[in-house]
Amino acid sequence: MKQWYTIENEEDYQAATKRYEEIKDAKKGTPEHKEKLLLVTLVTQYEEKLWDLPEVDPIEMIKIRMEDFGYKPADLAKEYGDKGTISKVLNYKQPLSLNMIRIFSRMLRIPTDALTKEYKLKNV
């Protein structure tokens, strides 16, 4: 088993999240389960430090993170599968769906609770 330390950079973060995915179904009481719990703590600490997220509505948060990663709406559409819906969501004409929240949370590294906050839609 690898010795884990505080996550300090993207390389450590990628290694930790990759290892977590490998052992996420570990049985309680096993060394892998203990390692999984440690990784959750380390990853959470790193993300909280890295993602000192501003208090903005979910759509603004998505736009900020798209800019951070250099993504365009087409990149989101490629993951989600519907360019028209992405456009409506980014223009406040349609709410985020649960499926979008899951995809964008993973893709843009935004905590799901930041994407579930209420926000106003524009009159359609």
N, C-alpha and C. Protein backbone atom coordinates (compact mmCIF):
# COMPACT_ATOMS: atom_id res chain seq x y z
N MET A 1 0.85 -1.19 0.00
CA MET A 1 0.00 0.00 0.00
C MET A 1 0.89 1.25 0.00
N LYS A 2 0.56 2.20 -0.85
CA LYS A 2 1.29 3.46 -0.96
C LYS A 2 1.13 4.27 0.31
N GLN A 3 2.16 4.97 0.69
CA GLN A 3 2.10 5.88 1.84
C GLN A 3 1.52 7.20 1.35
N TRP A 4 0.40 7.65 1.94
CA TRP A 4 -0.25 8.89 1.51
C TRP A 4 0.12 10.04 2.43
N TYR A 5 0.29 11.20 1.84
CA TYR A 5 0.58 12.43 2.56
C TYR A 5 -0.39 13.51 2.09
N THR A 6 -0.30 14.68 2.66
CA THR A 6 -1.14 15.79 2.24
C THR A 6 -0.98 16.01 0.74
N ILE A 7 -2.10 16.20 0.06
CA ILE A 7 -2.08 16.45 -1.38
C ILE A 7 -1.70 17.91 -1.60
N GLU A 8 -0.62 18.12 -2.37
CA GLU A 8 -0.12 19.48 -2.54
C GLU A 8 -0.11 19.97 -3.98
N ASN A 9 -0.39 19.07 -4.94
CA ASN A 9 -0.38 19.50 -6.34
C ASN A 9 -1.30 18.61 -7.16
N GLU A 10 -1.46 18.98 -8.41
CA GLU A 10 -2.39 18.27 -9.30
C GLU A 10 -1.96 16.82 -9.51
N GLU A 11 -0.68 16.57 -9.57
CA GLU A 11 -0.18 15.21 -9.76
C GLU A 11 -0.58 14.31 -8.59
N ASP A 12 -0.40 14.82 -7.36
CA ASP A 12 -0.82 14.06 -6.16
C ASP A 12 -2.33 13.85 -6.19
N TYR A 13 -3.06 14.88 -6.57
CA TYR A 13 -4.52 14.83 -6.62
C TYR A 13 -4.99 13.75 -7.60
N GLN A 14 -4.38 13.73 -8.78
CA GLN A 14 -4.75 12.73 -9.79
C GLN A 14 -4.46 11.32 -9.29
N ALA A 15 -3.32 11.13 -8.64
CA ALA A 15 -2.95 9.81 -8.12
C ALA A 15 -3.94 9.37 -7.04
N ALA A 16 -4.32 10.31 -6.17
CA ALA A 16 -5.24 9.98 -5.08
C ALA A 16 -6.63 9.65 -5.61
N THR A 17 -7.12 10.43 -6.55
CA THR A 17 -8.47 10.16 -7.08
C THR A 17 -8.48 8.86 -7.90
N LYS A 18 -7.38 8.58 -8.59
CA LYS A 18 -7.28 7.33 -9.35
C LYS A 18 -7.31 6.14 -8.39
N ARG A 19 -6.53 6.23 -7.32
CA ARG A 19 -6.48 5.14 -6.34
C ARG A 19 -7.84 4.97 -5.66
N TYR A 20 -8.50 6.09 -5.36
CA TYR A 20 -9.82 6.02 -4.74
C TYR A 20 -10.78 5.23 -5.64
N GLU A 21 -10.77 5.54 -6.93
CA GLU A 21 -11.65 4.83 -7.87
C GLU A 21 -11.37 3.33 -7.87
N GLU A 22 -10.10 2.96 -7.68
CA GLU A 22 -9.73 1.54 -7.67
C GLU A 22 -10.26 0.82 -6.43
N ILE A 23 -10.37 1.53 -5.30
CA ILE A 23 -10.72 0.86 -4.04
C ILE A 23 -12.05 1.35 -3.45
N LYS A 24 -12.82 2.10 -4.20
CA LYS A 24 -14.03 2.71 -3.63
C LYS A 24 -15.05 1.70 -3.11
N ASP A 25 -15.00 0.46 -3.57
CA ASP A 25 -15.95 -0.56 -3.12
C ASP A 25 -15.34 -1.50 -2.08
N ALA A 26 -14.24 -1.08 -1.45
CA ALA A 26 -13.56 -1.93 -0.46
C ALA A 26 -14.49 -2.23 0.72
N LYS A 27 -14.38 -3.44 1.22
CA LYS A 27 -15.19 -3.90 2.35
C LYS A 27 -14.72 -3.23 3.64
N LYS A 28 -15.70 -2.85 4.47
CA LYS A 28 -15.41 -2.21 5.75
C LYS A 28 -14.49 -3.11 6.58
N GLY A 29 -13.51 -2.49 7.23
CA GLY A 29 -12.59 -3.23 8.09
C GLY A 29 -11.32 -3.68 7.40
N THR A 30 -11.28 -3.55 6.07
CA THR A 30 -10.07 -3.96 5.33
C THR A 30 -9.09 -2.80 5.27
N PRO A 31 -7.80 -3.10 5.01
CA PRO A 31 -6.83 -2.01 4.85
C PRO A 31 -7.21 -1.06 3.71
N GLU A 32 -7.82 -1.61 2.65
CA GLU A 32 -8.24 -0.77 1.52
C GLU A 32 -9.36 0.19 1.94
N HIS A 33 -10.24 -0.26 2.82
CA HIS A 33 -11.32 0.61 3.30
C HIS A 33 -10.74 1.77 4.11
N LYS A 34 -9.76 1.48 4.95
CA LYS A 34 -9.10 2.54 5.73
C LYS A 34 -8.38 3.51 4.79
N GLU A 35 -7.73 2.97 3.77
CA GLU A 35 -7.04 3.80 2.79
C GLU A 35 -8.05 4.68 2.05
N LYS A 36 -9.20 4.11 1.72
CA LYS A 36 -10.25 4.87 1.03
C LYS A 36 -10.70 6.05 1.90
N LEU A 37 -10.93 5.82 3.18
CA LEU A 37 -11.36 6.89 4.09
C LEU A 37 -10.30 7.99 4.18
N LEU A 38 -9.04 7.59 4.22
CA LEU A 38 -7.94 8.57 4.25
C LEU A 38 -7.93 9.39 2.97
N LEU A 39 -8.09 8.72 1.84
CA LEU A 39 -8.07 9.42 0.55
C LEU A 39 -9.22 10.42 0.45
N VAL A 40 -10.40 10.05 0.94
CA VAL A 40 -11.54 10.97 0.92
C VAL A 40 -11.18 12.24 1.69
N THR A 41 -10.57 12.08 2.86
CA THR A 41 -10.18 13.23 3.68
C THR A 41 -9.13 14.09 2.97
N LEU A 42 -8.11 13.45 2.42
CA LEU A 42 -7.04 14.19 1.75
C LEU A 42 -7.55 14.93 0.50
N VAL A 43 -8.37 14.25 -0.29
CA VAL A 43 -8.91 14.86 -1.51
C VAL A 43 -9.82 16.03 -1.15
N THR A 44 -10.67 15.84 -0.14
CA THR A 44 -11.58 16.91 0.29
C THR A 44 -10.80 18.14 0.76
N GLN A 45 -9.78 17.92 1.56
CA GLN A 45 -8.96 19.05 2.04
C GLN A 45 -8.32 19.80 0.87
N TYR A 46 -7.78 19.05 -0.09
CA TYR A 46 -7.14 19.68 -1.24
C TYR A 46 -8.15 20.48 -2.06
N GLU A 47 -9.32 19.88 -2.31
CA GLU A 47 -10.34 20.55 -3.11
C GLU A 47 -10.85 21.81 -2.41
N GLU A 48 -11.04 21.74 -1.10
CA GLU A 48 -11.52 22.93 -0.38
C GLU A 48 -10.50 24.06 -0.44
N LYS A 49 -9.23 23.71 -0.34
CA LYS A 49 -8.17 24.72 -0.41
C LYS A 49 -8.08 25.28 -1.84
N LEU A 50 -8.14 24.39 -2.80
CA LEU A 50 -8.01 24.77 -4.21
C LEU A 50 -9.23 25.53 -4.71
N TRP A 51 -10.39 25.07 -4.29
CA TRP A 51 -11.64 25.61 -4.80
C TRP A 51 -12.29 26.54 -3.80
N ASP A 52 -11.59 27.58 -3.47
CA ASP A 52 -12.20 28.58 -2.60
C ASP A 52 -13.22 29.30 -3.49
N LEU A 53 -14.36 28.65 -3.66
CA LEU A 53 -15.35 29.07 -4.66
C LEU A 53 -16.10 30.33 -4.24
N PRO A 54 -16.28 31.24 -5.17
CA PRO A 54 -17.04 32.45 -4.87
C PRO A 54 -18.52 32.13 -4.69
N GLU A 55 -19.22 33.01 -3.99
CA GLU A 55 -20.67 32.84 -3.79
C GLU A 55 -21.40 33.37 -5.03
N VAL A 56 -21.60 32.51 -5.97
CA VAL A 56 -22.32 32.88 -7.19
C VAL A 56 -23.35 31.79 -7.49
N ASP A 57 -24.28 32.09 -8.37
CA ASP A 57 -25.27 31.08 -8.71
C ASP A 57 -24.62 29.95 -9.52
N PRO A 58 -25.29 28.81 -9.60
CA PRO A 58 -24.70 27.65 -10.27
C PRO A 58 -24.26 27.90 -11.72
N ILE A 59 -25.01 28.69 -12.45
CA ILE A 59 -24.65 28.93 -13.86
C ILE A 59 -23.36 29.76 -13.95
N GLU A 60 -23.25 30.78 -13.11
CA GLU A 60 -22.01 31.57 -13.08
C GLU A 60 -20.83 30.69 -12.68
N MET A 61 -21.08 29.79 -11.72
CA MET A 61 -20.03 28.87 -11.28
C MET A 61 -19.57 28.01 -12.45
N ILE A 62 -20.51 27.50 -13.21
CA ILE A 62 -20.17 26.69 -14.39
C ILE A 62 -19.34 27.51 -15.37
N LYS A 63 -19.77 28.74 -15.61
CA LYS A 63 -19.06 29.61 -16.57
C LYS A 63 -17.64 29.91 -16.08
N ILE A 64 -17.48 30.16 -14.79
CA ILE A 64 -16.15 30.43 -14.22
C ILE A 64 -15.24 29.22 -14.39
N ARG A 65 -15.77 28.04 -14.06
CA ARG A 65 -14.96 26.83 -14.17
C ARG A 65 -14.67 26.47 -15.63
N MET A 66 -15.61 26.76 -16.53
CA MET A 66 -15.35 26.53 -17.95
C MET A 66 -14.15 27.38 -18.38
N GLU A 67 -14.14 28.62 -17.92
CA GLU A 67 -13.03 29.51 -18.25
C GLU A 67 -11.72 28.99 -17.64
N ASP A 68 -11.80 28.53 -16.38
CA ASP A 68 -10.61 27.98 -15.71
C ASP A 68 -10.00 26.84 -16.50
N PHE A 69 -10.84 25.97 -17.05
CA PHE A 69 -10.37 24.79 -17.77
C PHE A 69 -10.24 25.01 -19.27
N GLY A 70 -10.65 26.19 -19.76
CA GLY A 70 -10.57 26.47 -21.18
C GLY A 70 -11.64 25.74 -21.99
N TYR A 71 -12.79 25.46 -21.36
CA TYR A 71 -13.87 24.76 -22.05
C TYR A 71 -14.82 25.75 -22.72
N LYS A 72 -15.41 25.28 -23.80
CA LYS A 72 -16.45 26.00 -24.51
C LYS A 72 -17.77 25.25 -24.29
N PRO A 73 -18.91 25.90 -24.59
CA PRO A 73 -20.19 25.19 -24.47
C PRO A 73 -20.21 23.86 -25.24
N ALA A 74 -19.52 23.81 -26.37
CA ALA A 74 -19.47 22.57 -27.16
C ALA A 74 -18.82 21.42 -26.38
N ASP A 75 -17.85 21.76 -25.51
CA ASP A 75 -17.21 20.72 -24.69
C ASP A 75 -18.21 20.13 -23.69
N LEU A 76 -19.04 21.00 -23.11
CA LEU A 76 -20.08 20.53 -22.20
C LEU A 76 -21.10 19.69 -22.96
N ALA A 77 -21.46 20.14 -24.16
CA ALA A 77 -22.43 19.42 -24.98
C ALA A 77 -21.90 18.04 -25.35
N LYS A 78 -20.60 17.94 -25.59
CA LYS A 78 -19.99 16.66 -25.93
C LYS A 78 -20.17 15.66 -24.78
N GLU A 79 -20.03 16.14 -23.55
CA GLU A 79 -20.20 15.28 -22.38
C GLU A 79 -21.67 14.99 -22.11
N TYR A 80 -22.51 16.02 -22.26
CA TYR A 80 -23.93 15.88 -21.94
C TYR A 80 -24.73 15.29 -23.09
N GLY A 81 -24.39 15.71 -24.33
CA GLY A 81 -25.04 15.13 -25.48
C GLY A 81 -26.07 16.00 -26.18
N ASP A 82 -26.27 17.23 -25.74
CA ASP A 82 -27.28 18.07 -26.39
C ASP A 82 -26.87 19.55 -26.34
N LYS A 83 -26.41 20.05 -27.47
CA LYS A 83 -25.92 21.43 -27.56
C LYS A 83 -27.02 22.46 -27.26
N GLY A 84 -28.23 22.21 -27.76
CA GLY A 84 -29.33 23.14 -27.55
C GLY A 84 -29.68 23.31 -26.08
N THR A 85 -29.70 22.22 -25.35
CA THR A 85 -30.02 22.27 -23.93
C THR A 85 -28.93 23.01 -23.17
N ILE A 86 -27.68 22.77 -23.51
CA ILE A 86 -26.55 23.46 -22.85
C ILE A 86 -26.70 24.96 -23.05
N SER A 87 -27.03 25.37 -24.27
CA SER A 87 -27.21 26.79 -24.56
C SER A 87 -28.33 27.38 -23.72
N LYS A 88 -29.45 26.69 -23.62
CA LYS A 88 -30.58 27.19 -22.82
C LYS A 88 -30.19 27.31 -21.36
N VAL A 89 -29.47 26.32 -20.83
CA VAL A 89 -29.06 26.35 -19.42
C VAL A 89 -28.10 27.51 -19.18
N LEU A 90 -27.10 27.68 -20.03
CA LEU A 90 -26.10 28.75 -19.84
C LEU A 90 -26.70 30.14 -20.01
N ASN A 91 -27.86 30.22 -20.68
CA ASN A 91 -28.55 31.50 -20.86
C ASN A 91 -29.75 31.67 -19.92
N TYR A 92 -29.77 30.83 -18.86
CA TYR A 92 -30.81 30.91 -17.83
C TYR A 92 -32.23 30.69 -18.36
N LYS A 93 -32.38 29.93 -19.41
CA LYS A 93 -33.70 29.67 -19.98
C LYS A 93 -34.23 28.29 -19.60
N GLN A 94 -33.36 27.45 -19.05
CA GLN A 94 -33.75 26.11 -18.63
C GLN A 94 -32.93 25.74 -17.40
N PRO A 95 -33.55 25.10 -16.40
CA PRO A 95 -32.80 24.73 -15.20
C PRO A 95 -31.86 23.55 -15.44
N LEU A 96 -30.87 23.44 -14.59
CA LEU A 96 -29.97 22.28 -14.62
C LEU A 96 -30.75 21.03 -14.25
N SER A 97 -30.50 19.94 -14.93
CA SER A 97 -31.11 18.66 -14.56
C SER A 97 -30.15 17.95 -13.61
N LEU A 98 -30.65 16.94 -12.93
CA LEU A 98 -29.81 16.16 -12.03
C LEU A 98 -28.66 15.52 -12.79
N ASN A 99 -28.92 15.03 -13.99
CA ASN A 99 -27.88 14.43 -14.81
C ASN A 99 -26.80 15.45 -15.17
N MET A 100 -27.21 16.67 -15.52
CA MET A 100 -26.24 17.73 -15.82
C MET A 100 -25.38 18.04 -14.60
N ILE A 101 -26.03 18.13 -13.45
CA ILE A 101 -25.30 18.44 -12.21
C ILE A 101 -24.22 17.39 -11.97
N ARG A 102 -24.56 16.13 -12.15
CA ARG A 102 -23.57 15.06 -11.96
C ARG A 102 -22.41 15.19 -12.95
N ILE A 103 -22.75 15.40 -14.21
CA ILE A 103 -21.72 15.49 -15.26
C ILE A 103 -20.84 16.73 -15.04
N PHE A 104 -21.46 17.88 -14.81
CA PHE A 104 -20.69 19.12 -14.67
C PHE A 104 -19.88 19.14 -13.39
N SER A 105 -20.39 18.53 -12.34
CA SER A 105 -19.65 18.44 -11.09
C SER A 105 -18.34 17.70 -11.32
N ARG A 106 -18.43 16.56 -11.98
CA ARG A 106 -17.24 15.76 -12.26
C ARG A 106 -16.32 16.47 -13.25
N MET A 107 -16.89 16.95 -14.33
CA MET A 107 -16.11 17.54 -15.41
C MET A 107 -15.43 18.84 -15.01
N LEU A 108 -16.14 19.68 -14.26
CA LEU A 108 -15.63 21.01 -13.90
C LEU A 108 -15.13 21.08 -12.47
N ARG A 109 -15.17 19.93 -11.79
CA ARG A 109 -14.73 19.86 -10.39
C ARG A 109 -15.42 20.90 -9.52
N ILE A 110 -16.72 20.86 -9.57
CA ILE A 110 -17.55 21.74 -8.74
C ILE A 110 -18.32 20.84 -7.78
N PRO A 111 -18.29 21.12 -6.49
CA PRO A 111 -19.09 20.30 -5.57
C PRO A 111 -20.57 20.34 -5.97
N THR A 112 -21.24 19.22 -5.89
CA THR A 112 -22.65 19.16 -6.33
C THR A 112 -23.52 20.14 -5.56
N ASP A 113 -23.21 20.38 -4.27
CA ASP A 113 -24.06 21.31 -3.52
C ASP A 113 -23.98 22.73 -4.07
N ALA A 114 -22.87 23.08 -4.73
CA ALA A 114 -22.76 24.41 -5.35
C ALA A 114 -23.63 24.51 -6.60
N LEU A 115 -23.95 23.36 -7.19
CA LEU A 115 -24.77 23.35 -8.41
C LEU A 115 -26.26 23.17 -8.12
N THR A 116 -26.60 22.87 -6.88
CA THR A 116 -28.01 22.66 -6.55
C THR A 116 -28.65 23.88 -5.91
N LYS A 117 -27.89 24.96 -5.75
CA LYS A 117 -28.45 26.18 -5.18
C LYS A 117 -29.52 26.74 -6.13
N GLU A 118 -30.51 27.39 -5.52
CA GLU A 118 -31.58 28.01 -6.34
C GLU A 118 -31.03 29.20 -7.10
N TYR A 119 -31.59 29.42 -8.27
CA TYR A 119 -31.27 30.60 -9.07
C TYR A 119 -32.47 30.90 -9.95
N LYS A 120 -32.55 32.15 -10.39
CA LYS A 120 -33.69 32.57 -11.20
C LYS A 120 -33.43 32.32 -12.67
N LEU A 121 -34.47 31.85 -13.34
CA LEU A 121 -34.42 31.70 -14.80
C LEU A 121 -34.94 33.01 -15.41
N LYS A 122 -34.51 33.29 -16.63
CA LYS A 122 -35.04 34.44 -17.35
C LYS A 122 -36.37 34.07 -17.96
N ASN A 123 -37.22 35.05 -18.13
CA ASN A 123 -38.52 34.77 -18.75
C ASN A 123 -38.34 34.17 -20.13
N VAL A 124 -39.00 33.08 -20.33
CA VAL A 124 -38.83 32.34 -21.60
C VAL A 124 -39.83 32.83 -22.62
